[in-house]
Amino acid sequence: MDEAHANSICYCGIMAALWTYWSNNNLGRGFFGCQNYGDPRYCRFFAWFDNPMSPRARIVIVGLLRKVKAIKRERKKELIIWGIGATSRQRDAACRDKLWKGSLIGVM
């Protein structure tokens, strides 16, 4: 990346912020945008920071993000089962779910 691109100035005359785009088509792709985004003074400046990802890279990253979300959901269920930040109703529901899947059979 050249120095001029690294120091992008938006139409407001201020240094543009580096943001990350998380749509499926531009997953993790960086871009420069106005620091006043969301403010009425937002000038809508936009410039890509890097090149687009290959289709294979997008597939891999989407798959990894899904796995991370699934692990977080399972971790949350485990915390509920052990009573960390959960109501008794949530613990009972999480235990029933685990028993139904067979993961706690033989443990009790």
PDB file of N, CA and C in Angstrom:
ATOM      1  N   MET A   1       0.853  -1.178   0.000  1.00  0.00           N
ATOM      2  CA  MET A   1       0.000   0.000   0.000  1.00  0.00           C
ATOM      3  C   MET A   1       0.894   1.234   0.000  1.00  0.00           C
ATOM      4  N   ASP A   2       0.563   2.205  -0.827  1.00  0.00           N
ATOM      5  CA  ASP A   2       1.376   3.408  -0.886  1.00  0.00           C
ATOM      6  C   ASP A   2       1.004   4.374   0.234  1.00  0.00           C
ATOM      7  N   GLU A   3       1.898   5.310   0.502  1.00  0.00           N
ATOM      8  CA  GLU A   3       1.728   6.259   1.615  1.00  0.00           C
ATOM      9  C   GLU A   3       0.506   7.148   1.440  1.00  0.00           C
ATOM     10  N   ALA A   4       0.201   7.553   0.205  1.00  0.00           N
ATOM     11  CA  ALA A   4      -0.957   8.420  -0.035  1.00  0.00           C
ATOM     12  C   ALA A   4      -2.255   7.699   0.320  1.00  0.00           C
ATOM     13  N   HIS A   5      -2.313   6.421   0.015  1.00  0.00           N
ATOM     14  CA  HIS A   5      -3.522   5.641   0.310  1.00  0.00           C
ATOM     15  C   HIS A   5      -3.682   5.447   1.813  1.00  0.00           C
ATOM     16  N   ALA A   6      -2.575   5.314   2.530  1.00  0.00           N
ATOM     17  CA  ALA A   6      -2.613   5.083   3.974  1.00  0.00           C
ATOM     18  C   ALA A   6      -3.080   6.322   4.727  1.00  0.00           C
ATOM     19  N   ASN A   7      -2.920   7.479   4.139  1.00  0.00           N
ATOM     20  CA  ASN A   7      -3.295   8.735   4.794  1.00  0.00           C
ATOM     21  C   ASN A   7      -4.455   9.395   4.065  1.00  0.00           C
ATOM     22  N   SER A   8      -5.551   8.671   3.859  1.00  0.00           N
ATOM     23  CA  SER A   8      -6.702   9.193   3.131  1.00  0.00           C
ATOM     24  C   SER A   8      -7.397  10.292   3.935  1.00  0.00           C
ATOM     25  N   ILE A   9      -7.746  11.333   3.242  1.00  0.00           N
ATOM     26  CA  ILE A   9      -8.486  12.450   3.824  1.00  0.00           C
ATOM     27  C   ILE A   9      -9.881  12.427   3.210  1.00  0.00           C
ATOM     28  N   CYS A  10     -10.911  12.479   4.075  1.00  0.00           N
ATOM     29  CA  CYS A  10     -12.275  12.433   3.552  1.00  0.00           C
ATOM     30  C   CYS A  10     -12.698  13.814   3.060  1.00  0.00           C
ATOM     31  N   TYR A  11     -13.920  13.898   2.539  1.00  0.00           N
ATOM     32  CA  TYR A  11     -14.430  15.148   1.976  1.00  0.00           C
ATOM     33  C   TYR A  11     -14.662  16.221   3.036  1.00  0.00           C
ATOM     34  N   CYS A  12     -14.705  15.816   4.304  1.00  0.00           N
ATOM     35  CA  CYS A  12     -14.850  16.775   5.413  1.00  0.00           C
ATOM     36  C   CYS A  12     -13.529  17.480   5.709  1.00  0.00           C
ATOM     37  N   GLY A  13     -12.432  16.935   5.149  1.00  0.00           N
ATOM     38  CA  GLY A  13     -11.115  17.513   5.390  1.00  0.00           C
ATOM     39  C   GLY A  13     -10.403  16.913   6.591  1.00  0.00           C
ATOM     40  N   ILE A  14     -10.940  15.842   7.163  1.00  0.00           N
ATOM     41  CA  ILE A  14     -10.292  15.189   8.297  1.00  0.00           C
ATOM     42  C   ILE A  14      -9.771  13.814   7.861  1.00  0.00           C
ATOM     43  N   MET A  15      -8.883  13.250   8.673  1.00  0.00           N
ATOM     44  CA  MET A  15      -8.316  11.941   8.368  1.00  0.00           C
ATOM     45  C   MET A  15      -9.424  10.888   8.381  1.00  0.00           C
ATOM     46  N   ALA A  16      -9.496  10.099   7.331  1.00  0.00           N
ATOM     47  CA  ALA A  16     -10.511   9.044   7.243  1.00  0.00           C
ATOM     48  C   ALA A  16     -10.156   7.905   8.193  1.00  0.00           C
ATOM     49  N   ALA A  17     -11.181   7.269   8.764  1.00  0.00           N
ATOM     50  CA  ALA A  17     -10.985   6.145   9.672  1.00  0.00           C
ATOM     51  C   ALA A  17     -10.915   4.850   8.876  1.00  0.00           C
ATOM     52  N   LEU A  18     -10.170   3.887   9.404  1.00  0.00           N
ATOM     53  CA  LEU A  18     -10.086   2.572   8.782  1.00  0.00           C
ATOM     54  C   LEU A  18     -11.139   1.680   9.424  1.00  0.00           C
ATOM     55  N   TRP A  19     -12.072   1.169   8.615  1.00  0.00           N
ATOM     56  CA  TRP A  19     -13.171   0.325   9.073  1.00  0.00           C
ATOM     57  C   TRP A  19     -13.020  -1.068   8.472  1.00  0.00           C
ATOM     58  N   THR A  20     -13.743  -2.029   9.004  1.00  0.00           N
ATOM     59  CA  THR A  20     -13.756  -3.380   8.441  1.00  0.00           C
ATOM     60  C   THR A  20     -15.172  -3.712   8.016  1.00  0.00           C
ATOM     61  N   TYR A  21     -15.312  -4.194   6.809  1.00  0.00           N
ATOM     62  CA  TYR A  21     -16.606  -4.545   6.237  1.00  0.00           C
ATOM     63  C   TYR A  21     -16.876  -6.014   6.517  1.00  0.00           C
ATOM     64  N   TRP A  22     -18.077  -6.372   6.985  1.00  0.00           N
ATOM     65  CA  TRP A  22     -18.382  -7.753   7.355  1.00  0.00           C
ATOM     66  C   TRP A  22     -19.535  -8.355   6.566  1.00  0.00           C
ATOM     67  N   SER A  23     -19.816  -7.888   5.373  1.00  0.00           N
ATOM     68  CA  SER A  23     -20.845  -8.537   4.553  1.00  0.00           C
ATOM     69  C   SER A  23     -20.257  -9.834   3.992  1.00  0.00           C
ATOM     70  N   ASN A  24     -21.107 -10.729   3.530  1.00  0.00           N
ATOM     71  CA  ASN A  24     -20.610 -11.998   2.982  1.00  0.00           C
ATOM     72  C   ASN A  24     -19.745 -11.795   1.746  1.00  0.00           C
ATOM     73  N   ASN A  25     -20.003 -10.761   0.971  1.00  0.00           N
ATOM     74  CA  ASN A  25     -19.223 -10.523  -0.249  1.00  0.00           C
ATOM     75  C   ASN A  25     -17.886  -9.854   0.014  1.00  0.00           C
ATOM     76  N   ASN A  26     -17.759  -9.125   1.106  1.00  0.00           N
ATOM     77  CA  ASN A  26     -16.525  -8.392   1.413  1.00  0.00           C
ATOM     78  C   ASN A  26     -16.066  -8.669   2.834  1.00  0.00           C
ATOM     79  N   LEU A  27     -16.133  -9.895   3.248  1.00  0.00           N
ATOM     80  CA  LEU A  27     -15.855 -10.312   4.609  1.00  0.00           C
ATOM     81  C   LEU A  27     -14.452  -9.924   5.065  1.00  0.00           C
ATOM     82  N   GLY A  28     -14.379  -9.108   6.094  1.00  0.00           N
ATOM     83  CA  GLY A  28     -13.099  -8.723   6.667  1.00  0.00           C
ATOM     84  C   GLY A  28     -12.294  -7.750   5.832  1.00  0.00           C
ATOM     85  N   ARG A  29     -12.886  -7.211   4.812  1.00  0.00           N
ATOM     86  CA  ARG A  29     -12.167  -6.298   3.922  1.00  0.00           C
ATOM     87  C   ARG A  29     -12.138  -4.898   4.526  1.00  0.00           C
ATOM     88  N   GLY A  30     -10.964  -4.287   4.514  1.00  0.00           N
ATOM     89  CA  GLY A  30     -10.794  -2.960   5.104  1.00  0.00           C
ATOM     90  C   GLY A  30     -11.128  -1.846   4.126  1.00  0.00           C
ATOM     91  N   PHE A  31     -11.638  -0.764   4.682  1.00  0.00           N
ATOM     92  CA  PHE A  31     -11.920   0.412   3.851  1.00  0.00           C
ATOM     93  C   PHE A  31     -11.783   1.677   4.690  1.00  0.00           C
ATOM     94  N   PHE A  32     -11.502   2.770   3.999  1.00  0.00           N
ATOM     95  CA  PHE A  32     -11.458   4.071   4.646  1.00  0.00           C
ATOM     96  C   PHE A  32     -12.827   4.716   4.523  1.00  0.00           C
ATOM     97  N   GLY A  33     -13.290   5.322   5.607  1.00  0.00           N
ATOM     98  CA  GLY A  33     -14.563   6.018   5.610  1.00  0.00           C
ATOM     99  C   GLY A  33     -14.498   7.227   6.523  1.00  0.00           C
ATOM    100  N   CYS A  34     -15.438   8.116   6.357  1.00  0.00           N
ATOM    101  CA  CYS A  34     -15.498   9.342   7.152  1.00  0.00           C
ATOM    102  C   CYS A  34     -15.622   9.001   8.644  1.00  0.00           C
ATOM    103  N   GLN A  35     -14.908   9.734   9.489  1.00  0.00           N
ATOM    104  CA  GLN A  35     -14.995   9.546  10.939  1.00  0.00           C
ATOM    105  C   GLN A  35     -16.343   9.990  11.487  1.00  0.00           C
ATOM    106  N   ASN A  36     -17.071  10.801  10.719  1.00  0.00           N
ATOM    107  CA  ASN A  36     -18.378  11.305  11.159  1.00  0.00           C
ATOM    108  C   ASN A  36     -19.522  10.386  10.754  1.00  0.00           C
ATOM    109  N   TYR A  37     -19.222   9.126  10.446  1.00  0.00           N
ATOM    110  CA  TYR A  37     -20.264   8.195  10.029  1.00  0.00           C
ATOM    111  C   TYR A  37     -21.371   8.154  11.086  1.00  0.00           C
ATOM    112  N   GLY A  38     -22.625   8.255  10.646  1.00  0.00           N
ATOM    113  CA  GLY A  38     -23.767   8.269  11.563  1.00  0.00           C
ATOM    114  C   GLY A  38     -24.154   9.663  12.020  1.00  0.00           C
ATOM    115  N   ASP A  39     -23.328  10.624  11.744  1.00  0.00           N
ATOM    116  CA  ASP A  39     -23.568  12.022  12.102  1.00  0.00           C
ATOM    117  C   ASP A  39     -24.122  12.730  10.868  1.00  0.00           C
ATOM    118  N   PRO A  40     -24.978  13.745  11.048  1.00  0.00           N
ATOM    119  CA  PRO A  40     -25.495  14.468   9.873  1.00  0.00           C
ATOM    120  C   PRO A  40     -24.390  15.072   9.002  1.00  0.00           C
ATOM    121  N   ARG A  41     -23.224  15.281   9.587  1.00  0.00           N
ATOM    122  CA  ARG A  41     -22.115  15.858   8.822  1.00  0.00           C
ATOM    123  C   ARG A  41     -21.372  14.822   7.985  1.00  0.00           C
ATOM    124  N   TYR A  42     -21.825  13.584   8.003  1.00  0.00           N
ATOM    125  CA  TYR A  42     -21.171  12.477   7.307  1.00  0.00           C
ATOM    126  C   TYR A  42     -21.088  12.787   5.816  1.00  0.00           C
ATOM    127  N   CYS A  43     -19.871  12.791   5.277  1.00  0.00           N
ATOM    128  CA  CYS A  43     -19.664  13.170   3.873  1.00  0.00           C
ATOM    129  C   CYS A  43     -19.710  11.985   2.911  1.00  0.00           C
ATOM    130  N   ARG A  44     -19.867  10.776   3.408  1.00  0.00           N
ATOM    131  CA  ARG A  44     -19.965   9.552   2.609  1.00  0.00           C
ATOM    132  C   ARG A  44     -18.692   9.214   1.836  1.00  0.00           C
ATOM    133  N   PHE A  45     -17.541   9.642   2.353  1.00  0.00           N
ATOM    134  CA  PHE A  45     -16.263   9.269   1.742  1.00  0.00           C
ATOM    135  C   PHE A  45     -16.059   7.766   1.896  1.00  0.00           C
ATOM    136  N   PHE A  46     -15.569   7.106   0.831  1.00  0.00           N
ATOM    137  CA  PHE A  46     -15.347   5.665   0.852  1.00  0.00           C
ATOM    138  C   PHE A  46     -14.195   5.331  -0.090  1.00  0.00           C
ATOM    139  N   ALA A  47     -13.232   4.538   0.407  1.00  0.00           N
ATOM    140  CA  ALA A  47     -12.135   4.045  -0.434  1.00  0.00           C
ATOM    141  C   ALA A  47     -11.678   2.711   0.137  1.00  0.00           C
ATOM    142  N   TRP A  48     -11.555   1.695  -0.720  1.00  0.00           N
ATOM    143  CA  TRP A  48     -11.090   0.388  -0.257  1.00  0.00           C
ATOM    144  C   TRP A  48      -9.660   0.481   0.236  1.00  0.00           C
ATOM    145  N   PHE A  49      -9.339  -0.241   1.290  1.00  0.00           N
ATOM    146  CA  PHE A  49      -7.996  -0.300   1.858  1.00  0.00           C
ATOM    147  C   PHE A  49      -7.195  -1.433   1.229  1.00  0.00           C
ATOM    148  N   ASP A  50      -7.862  -2.550   0.947  1.00  0.00           N
ATOM    149  CA  ASP A  50      -7.161  -3.716   0.423  1.00  0.00           C
ATOM    150  C   ASP A  50      -7.929  -4.341  -0.746  1.00  0.00           C
ATOM    151  N   ASN A  51      -7.329  -5.344  -1.343  1.00  0.00           N
ATOM    152  CA  ASN A  51      -7.931  -6.024  -2.489  1.00  0.00           C
ATOM    153  C   ASN A  51      -9.010  -6.998  -2.028  1.00  0.00           C
ATOM    154  N   PRO A  52      -9.962  -7.337  -2.912  1.00  0.00           N
ATOM    155  CA  PRO A  52     -11.002  -8.300  -2.538  1.00  0.00           C
ATOM    156  C   PRO A  52     -10.405  -9.686  -2.261  1.00  0.00           C
ATOM    157  N   MET A  53     -11.111 -10.444  -1.416  1.00  0.00           N
ATOM    158  CA  MET A  53     -10.686 -11.810  -1.092  1.00  0.00           C
ATOM    159  C   MET A  53     -11.088 -12.760  -2.205  1.00  0.00           C
ATOM    160  N   SER A  54     -10.394 -13.858  -2.257  1.00  0.00           N
ATOM    161  CA  SER A  54     -10.759 -14.894  -3.220  1.00  0.00           C
ATOM    162  C   SER A  54     -12.046 -15.572  -2.745  1.00  0.00           C
ATOM    163  N   PRO A  55     -12.801 -16.167  -3.657  1.00  0.00           N
ATOM    164  CA  PRO A  55     -14.029 -16.868  -3.246  1.00  0.00           C
ATOM    165  C   PRO A  55     -13.757 -17.956  -2.209  1.00  0.00           C
ATOM    166  N   ARG A  56     -12.648 -18.661  -2.323  1.00  0.00           N
ATOM    167  CA  ARG A  56     -12.301 -19.719  -1.367  1.00  0.00           C
ATOM    168  C   ARG A  56     -12.066 -19.138   0.025  1.00  0.00           C
ATOM    169  N   ALA A  57     -11.377 -18.017   0.111  1.00  0.00           N
ATOM    170  CA  ALA A  57     -11.125 -17.388   1.409  1.00  0.00           C
ATOM    171  C   ALA A  57     -12.433 -16.981   2.076  1.00  0.00           C
ATOM    172  N   ARG A  58     -13.376 -16.463   1.285  1.00  0.00           N
ATOM    173  CA  ARG A  58     -14.678 -16.083   1.850  1.00  0.00           C
ATOM    174  C   ARG A  58     -15.402 -17.289   2.421  1.00  0.00           C
ATOM    175  N   ILE A  59     -15.371 -18.412   1.701  1.00  0.00           N
ATOM    176  CA  ILE A  59     -16.037 -19.633   2.164  1.00  0.00           C
ATOM    177  C   ILE A  59     -15.418 -20.106   3.483  1.00  0.00           C
ATOM    178  N   VAL A  60     -14.089 -20.098   3.550  1.00  0.00           N
ATOM    179  CA  VAL A  60     -13.403 -20.542   4.762  1.00  0.00           C
ATOM    180  C   VAL A  60     -13.737 -19.630   5.941  1.00  0.00           C
ATOM    181  N   ILE A  61     -13.704 -18.322   5.738  1.00  0.00           N
ATOM    182  CA  ILE A  61     -13.969 -17.393   6.832  1.00  0.00           C
ATOM    183  C   ILE A  61     -15.414 -17.490   7.309  1.00  0.00           C
ATOM    184  N   VAL A  62     -16.361 -17.600   6.396  1.00  0.00           N
ATOM    185  CA  VAL A  62     -17.767 -17.754   6.798  1.00  0.00           C
ATOM    186  C   VAL A  62     -17.933 -19.029   7.619  1.00  0.00           C
ATOM    187  N   GLY A  63     -17.309 -20.120   7.202  1.00  0.00           N
ATOM    188  CA  GLY A  63     -17.373 -21.372   7.951  1.00  0.00           C
ATOM    189  C   GLY A  63     -16.770 -21.242   9.340  1.00  0.00           C
ATOM    190  N   LEU A  64     -15.644 -20.564   9.434  1.00  0.00           N
ATOM    191  CA  LEU A  64     -15.006 -20.359  10.740  1.00  0.00           C
ATOM    192  C   LEU A  64     -15.870 -19.495  11.653  1.00  0.00           C
ATOM    193  N   LEU A  65     -16.476 -18.451  11.112  1.00  0.00           N
ATOM    194  CA  LEU A  65     -17.349 -17.598  11.925  1.00  0.00           C
ATOM    195  C   LEU A  65     -18.546 -18.389  12.450  1.00  0.00           C
ATOM    196  N   ARG A  66     -19.102 -19.275  11.628  1.00  0.00           N
ATOM    197  CA  ARG A  66     -20.219 -20.116  12.088  1.00  0.00           C
ATOM    198  C   ARG A  66     -19.774 -21.038  13.220  1.00  0.00           C
ATOM    199  N   LYS A  67     -18.577 -21.618  13.094  1.00  0.00           N
ATOM    200  CA  LYS A  67     -18.065 -22.486  14.146  1.00  0.00           C
ATOM    201  C   LYS A  67     -17.846 -21.721  15.445  1.00  0.00           C
ATOM    202  N   VAL A  68     -17.314 -20.514  15.347  1.00  0.00           N
ATOM    203  CA  VAL A  68     -17.101 -19.692  16.545  1.00  0.00           C
ATOM    204  C   VAL A  68     -18.430 -19.396  17.231  1.00  0.00           C
ATOM    205  N   LYS A  69     -19.452 -19.051  16.453  1.00  0.00           N
ATOM    206  CA  LYS A  69     -20.768 -18.781  17.029  1.00  0.00           C
ATOM    207  C   LYS A  69     -21.339 -20.019  17.707  1.00  0.00           C
ATOM    208  N   ALA A  70     -21.169 -21.194  17.081  1.00  0.00           N
ATOM    209  CA  ALA A  70     -21.671 -22.437  17.670  1.00  0.00           C
ATOM    210  C   ALA A  70     -20.948 -22.749  18.976  1.00  0.00           C
ATOM    211  N   ILE A  71     -19.648 -22.542  19.009  1.00  0.00           N
ATOM    212  CA  ILE A  71     -18.875 -22.774  20.237  1.00  0.00           C
ATOM    213  C   ILE A  71     -19.314 -21.819  21.334  1.00  0.00           C
ATOM    214  N   LYS A  72     -19.553 -20.562  20.981  1.00  0.00           N
ATOM    215  CA  LYS A  72     -20.020 -19.590  21.980  1.00  0.00           C
ATOM    216  C   LYS A  72     -21.379 -19.986  22.536  1.00  0.00           C
ATOM    217  N   ARG A  73     -22.278 -20.479  21.672  1.00  0.00           N
ATOM    218  CA  ARG A  73     -23.592 -20.928  22.154  1.00  0.00           C
ATOM    219  C   ARG A  73     -23.450 -22.101  23.114  1.00  0.00           C
ATOM    220  N   GLU A  74     -22.602 -23.067  22.776  1.00  0.00           N
ATOM    221  CA  GLU A  74     -22.389 -24.223  23.646  1.00  0.00           C
ATOM    222  C   GLU A  74     -21.755 -23.799  24.966  1.00  0.00           C
ATOM    223  N   ARG A  75     -20.815 -22.876  24.905  1.00  0.00           N
ATOM    224  CA  ARG A  75     -20.164 -22.379  26.130  1.00  0.00           C
ATOM    225  C   ARG A  75     -21.183 -21.692  27.026  1.00  0.00           C
ATOM    226  N   LYS A  76     -22.074 -20.914  26.425  1.00  0.00           N
ATOM    227  CA  LYS A  76     -23.107 -20.238  27.200  1.00  0.00           C
ATOM    228  C   LYS A  76     -24.015 -21.258  27.883  1.00  0.00           C
ATOM    229  N   LYS A  77     -24.377 -22.338  27.162  1.00  0.00           N
ATOM    230  CA  LYS A  77     -25.203 -23.392  27.757  1.00  0.00           C
ATOM    231  C   LYS A  77     -24.479 -24.050  28.929  1.00  0.00           C
ATOM    232  N   GLU A  78     -23.174 -24.293  28.774  1.00  0.00           N
ATOM    233  CA  GLU A  78     -22.406 -24.907  29.852  1.00  0.00           C
ATOM    234  C   GLU A  78     -22.366 -24.005  31.083  1.00  0.00           C
ATOM    235  N   LEU A  79     -22.183 -22.717  30.873  1.00  0.00           N
ATOM    236  CA  LEU A  79     -22.175 -21.777  31.999  1.00  0.00           C
ATOM    237  C   LEU A  79     -23.520 -21.774  32.707  1.00  0.00           C
ATOM    238  N   ILE A  80     -24.595 -21.880  31.923  1.00  0.00           N
ATOM    239  CA  ILE A  80     -25.934 -21.920  32.515  1.00  0.00           C
ATOM    240  C   ILE A  80     -26.103 -23.188  33.341  1.00  0.00           C
ATOM    241  N   ILE A  81     -25.642 -24.323  32.804  1.00  0.00           N
ATOM    242  CA  ILE A  81     -25.769 -25.589  33.533  1.00  0.00           C
ATOM    243  C   ILE A  81     -25.047 -25.512  34.873  1.00  0.00           C
ATOM    244  N   TRP A  82     -23.877 -24.906  34.888  1.00  0.00           N
ATOM    245  CA  TRP A  82     -23.100 -24.818  36.120  1.00  0.00           C
ATOM    246  C   TRP A  82     -23.552 -23.661  37.001  1.00  0.00           C
ATOM    247  N   GLY A  83     -24.570 -22.946  36.567  1.00  0.00           N
ATOM    248  CA  GLY A  83     -25.169 -21.926  37.416  1.00  0.00           C
ATOM    249  C   GLY A  83     -24.474 -20.585  37.408  1.00  0.00           C
ATOM    250  N   ILE A  84     -23.646 -20.356  36.433  1.00  0.00           N
ATOM    251  CA  ILE A  84     -22.933 -19.078  36.368  1.00  0.00           C
ATOM    252  C   ILE A  84     -23.792 -18.088  35.596  1.00  0.00           C
ATOM    253  N   GLY A  85     -24.393 -17.150  36.307  1.00  0.00           N
ATOM    254  CA  GLY A  85     -25.222 -16.122  35.689  1.00  0.00           C
ATOM    255  C   GLY A  85     -26.515 -16.644  35.110  1.00  0.00           C
ATOM    256  N   ALA A  86     -27.107 -17.670  35.729  1.00  0.00           N
ATOM    257  CA  ALA A  86     -28.324 -18.253  35.172  1.00  0.00           C
ATOM    258  C   ALA A  86     -29.393 -18.409  36.247  1.00  0.00           C
ATOM    259  N   THR A  87     -30.625 -18.403  35.800  1.00  0.00           N
ATOM    260  CA  THR A  87     -31.741 -18.684  36.696  1.00  0.00           C
ATOM    261  C   THR A  87     -31.928 -20.203  36.756  1.00  0.00           C
ATOM    262  N   SER A  88     -32.663 -20.670  37.746  1.00  0.00           N
ATOM    263  CA  SER A  88     -32.890 -22.118  37.855  1.00  0.00           C
ATOM    264  C   SER A  88     -33.662 -22.626  36.643  1.00  0.00           C
ATOM    265  N   ARG A  89     -34.544 -21.818  36.113  1.00  0.00           N
ATOM    266  CA  ARG A  89     -35.306 -22.215  34.917  1.00  0.00           C
ATOM    267  C   ARG A  89     -34.371 -22.413  33.716  1.00  0.00           C
ATOM    268  N   GLN A  90     -33.393 -21.503  33.549  1.00  0.00           N
ATOM    269  CA  GLN A  90     -32.438 -21.638  32.457  1.00  0.00           C
ATOM    270  C   GLN A  90     -31.565 -22.880  32.640  1.00  0.00           C
ATOM    271  N   ARG A  91     -31.145 -23.137  33.893  1.00  0.00           N
ATOM    272  CA  ARG A  91     -30.334 -24.329  34.164  1.00  0.00           C
ATOM    273  C   ARG A  91     -31.097 -25.599  33.838  1.00  0.00           C
ATOM    274  N   ASP A  92     -32.367 -25.663  34.253  1.00  0.00           N
ATOM    275  CA  ASP A  92     -33.184 -26.843  33.981  1.00  0.00           C
ATOM    276  C   ASP A  92     -33.345 -27.069  32.478  1.00  0.00           C
ATOM    277  N   ALA A  93     -33.606 -26.000  31.745  1.00  0.00           N
ATOM    278  CA  ALA A  93     -33.788 -26.115  30.294  1.00  0.00           C
ATOM    279  C   ALA A  93     -32.490 -26.570  29.624  1.00  0.00           C
ATOM    280  N   ALA A  94     -31.351 -26.019  30.055  1.00  0.00           N
ATOM    281  CA  ALA A  94     -30.065 -26.397  29.464  1.00  0.00           C
ATOM    282  C   ALA A  94     -29.731 -27.854  29.780  1.00  0.00           C
ATOM    283  N   CYS A  95     -30.017 -28.295  31.001  1.00  0.00           N
ATOM    284  CA  CYS A  95     -29.770 -29.697  31.371  1.00  0.00           C
ATOM    285  C   CYS A  95     -30.650 -30.639  30.555  1.00  0.00           C
ATOM    286  N   ARG A  96     -31.917 -30.288  30.372  1.00  0.00           N
ATOM    287  CA  ARG A  96     -32.806 -31.117  29.558  1.00  0.00           C
ATOM    288  C   ARG A  96     -32.278 -31.231  28.136  1.00  0.00           C
ATOM    289  N   ASP A  97     -31.793 -30.107  27.606  1.00  0.00           N
ATOM    290  CA  ASP A  97     -31.254 -30.088  26.249  1.00  0.00           C
ATOM    291  C   ASP A  97     -30.037 -31.004  26.149  1.00  0.00           C
ATOM    292  N   LYS A  98     -29.138 -30.936  27.122  1.00  0.00           N
ATOM    293  CA  LYS A  98     -27.946 -31.777  27.127  1.00  0.00           C
ATOM    294  C   LYS A  98     -28.322 -33.253  27.265  1.00  0.00           C
ATOM    295  N   LEU A  99     -29.273 -33.556  28.163  1.00  0.00           N
ATOM    296  CA  LEU A  99     -29.703 -34.938  28.335  1.00  0.00           C
ATOM    297  C   LEU A  99     -30.335 -35.483  27.061  1.00  0.00           C
ATOM    298  N   TRP A 100     -31.127 -34.649  26.411  1.00  0.00           N
ATOM    299  CA  TRP A 100     -31.798 -35.063  25.181  1.00  0.00           C
ATOM    300  C   TRP A 100     -30.760 -35.428  24.108  1.00  0.00           C
ATOM    301  N   LYS A 101     -29.683 -34.674  24.045  1.00  0.00           N
ATOM    302  CA  LYS A 101     -28.642 -34.946  23.050  1.00  0.00           C
ATOM    303  C   LYS A 101     -27.752 -36.112  23.500  1.00  0.00           C
ATOM    304  N   GLY A 102     -27.894 -36.548  24.757  1.00  0.00           N
ATOM    305  CA  GLY A 102     -27.117 -37.681  25.232  1.00  0.00           C
ATOM    306  C   GLY A 102     -25.747 -37.323  25.762  1.00  0.00           C
ATOM    307  N   SER A 103     -25.449 -36.045  25.907  1.00  0.00           N
ATOM    308  CA  SER A 103     -24.098 -35.672  26.329  1.00  0.00           C
ATOM    309  C   SER A 103     -23.892 -35.816  27.839  1.00  0.00           C
ATOM    310  N   LEU A 104     -24.974 -35.882  28.629  1.00  0.00           N
ATOM    311  CA  LEU A 104     -24.807 -36.047  30.064  1.00  0.00           C
ATOM    312  C   LEU A 104     -25.223 -37.449  30.534  1.00  0.00           C
ATOM    313  N   ILE A 105     -25.632 -38.297  29.624  1.00  0.00           N
ATOM    314  CA  ILE A 105     -26.007 -39.669  29.999  1.00  0.00           C
ATOM    315  C   ILE A 105     -24.781 -40.365  30.573  1.00  0.00           C
ATOM    316  N   GLY A 106     -24.936 -40.976  31.721  1.00  0.00           N
ATOM    317  CA  GLY A 106     -23.832 -41.683  32.357  1.00  0.00           C
ATOM    318  C   GLY A 106     -22.979 -40.807  33.244  1.00  0.00           C
ATOM    319  N   VAL A 107     -23.155 -39.495  33.175  1.00  0.00           N
ATOM    320  CA  VAL A 107     -22.393 -38.583  34.008  1.00  0.00           C
ATOM    321  C   VAL A 107     -23.038 -38.446  35.369  1.00  0.00           C
ATOM    322  N   MET A 108     -24.374 -38.491  35.396  1.00  0.00           N
ATOM    323  CA  MET A 108     -25.103 -38.260  36.650  1.00  0.00           C
ATOM    324  C   MET A 108     -25.080 -39.466  37.531  1.00  0.00           C
TER     325      MET A 108
END
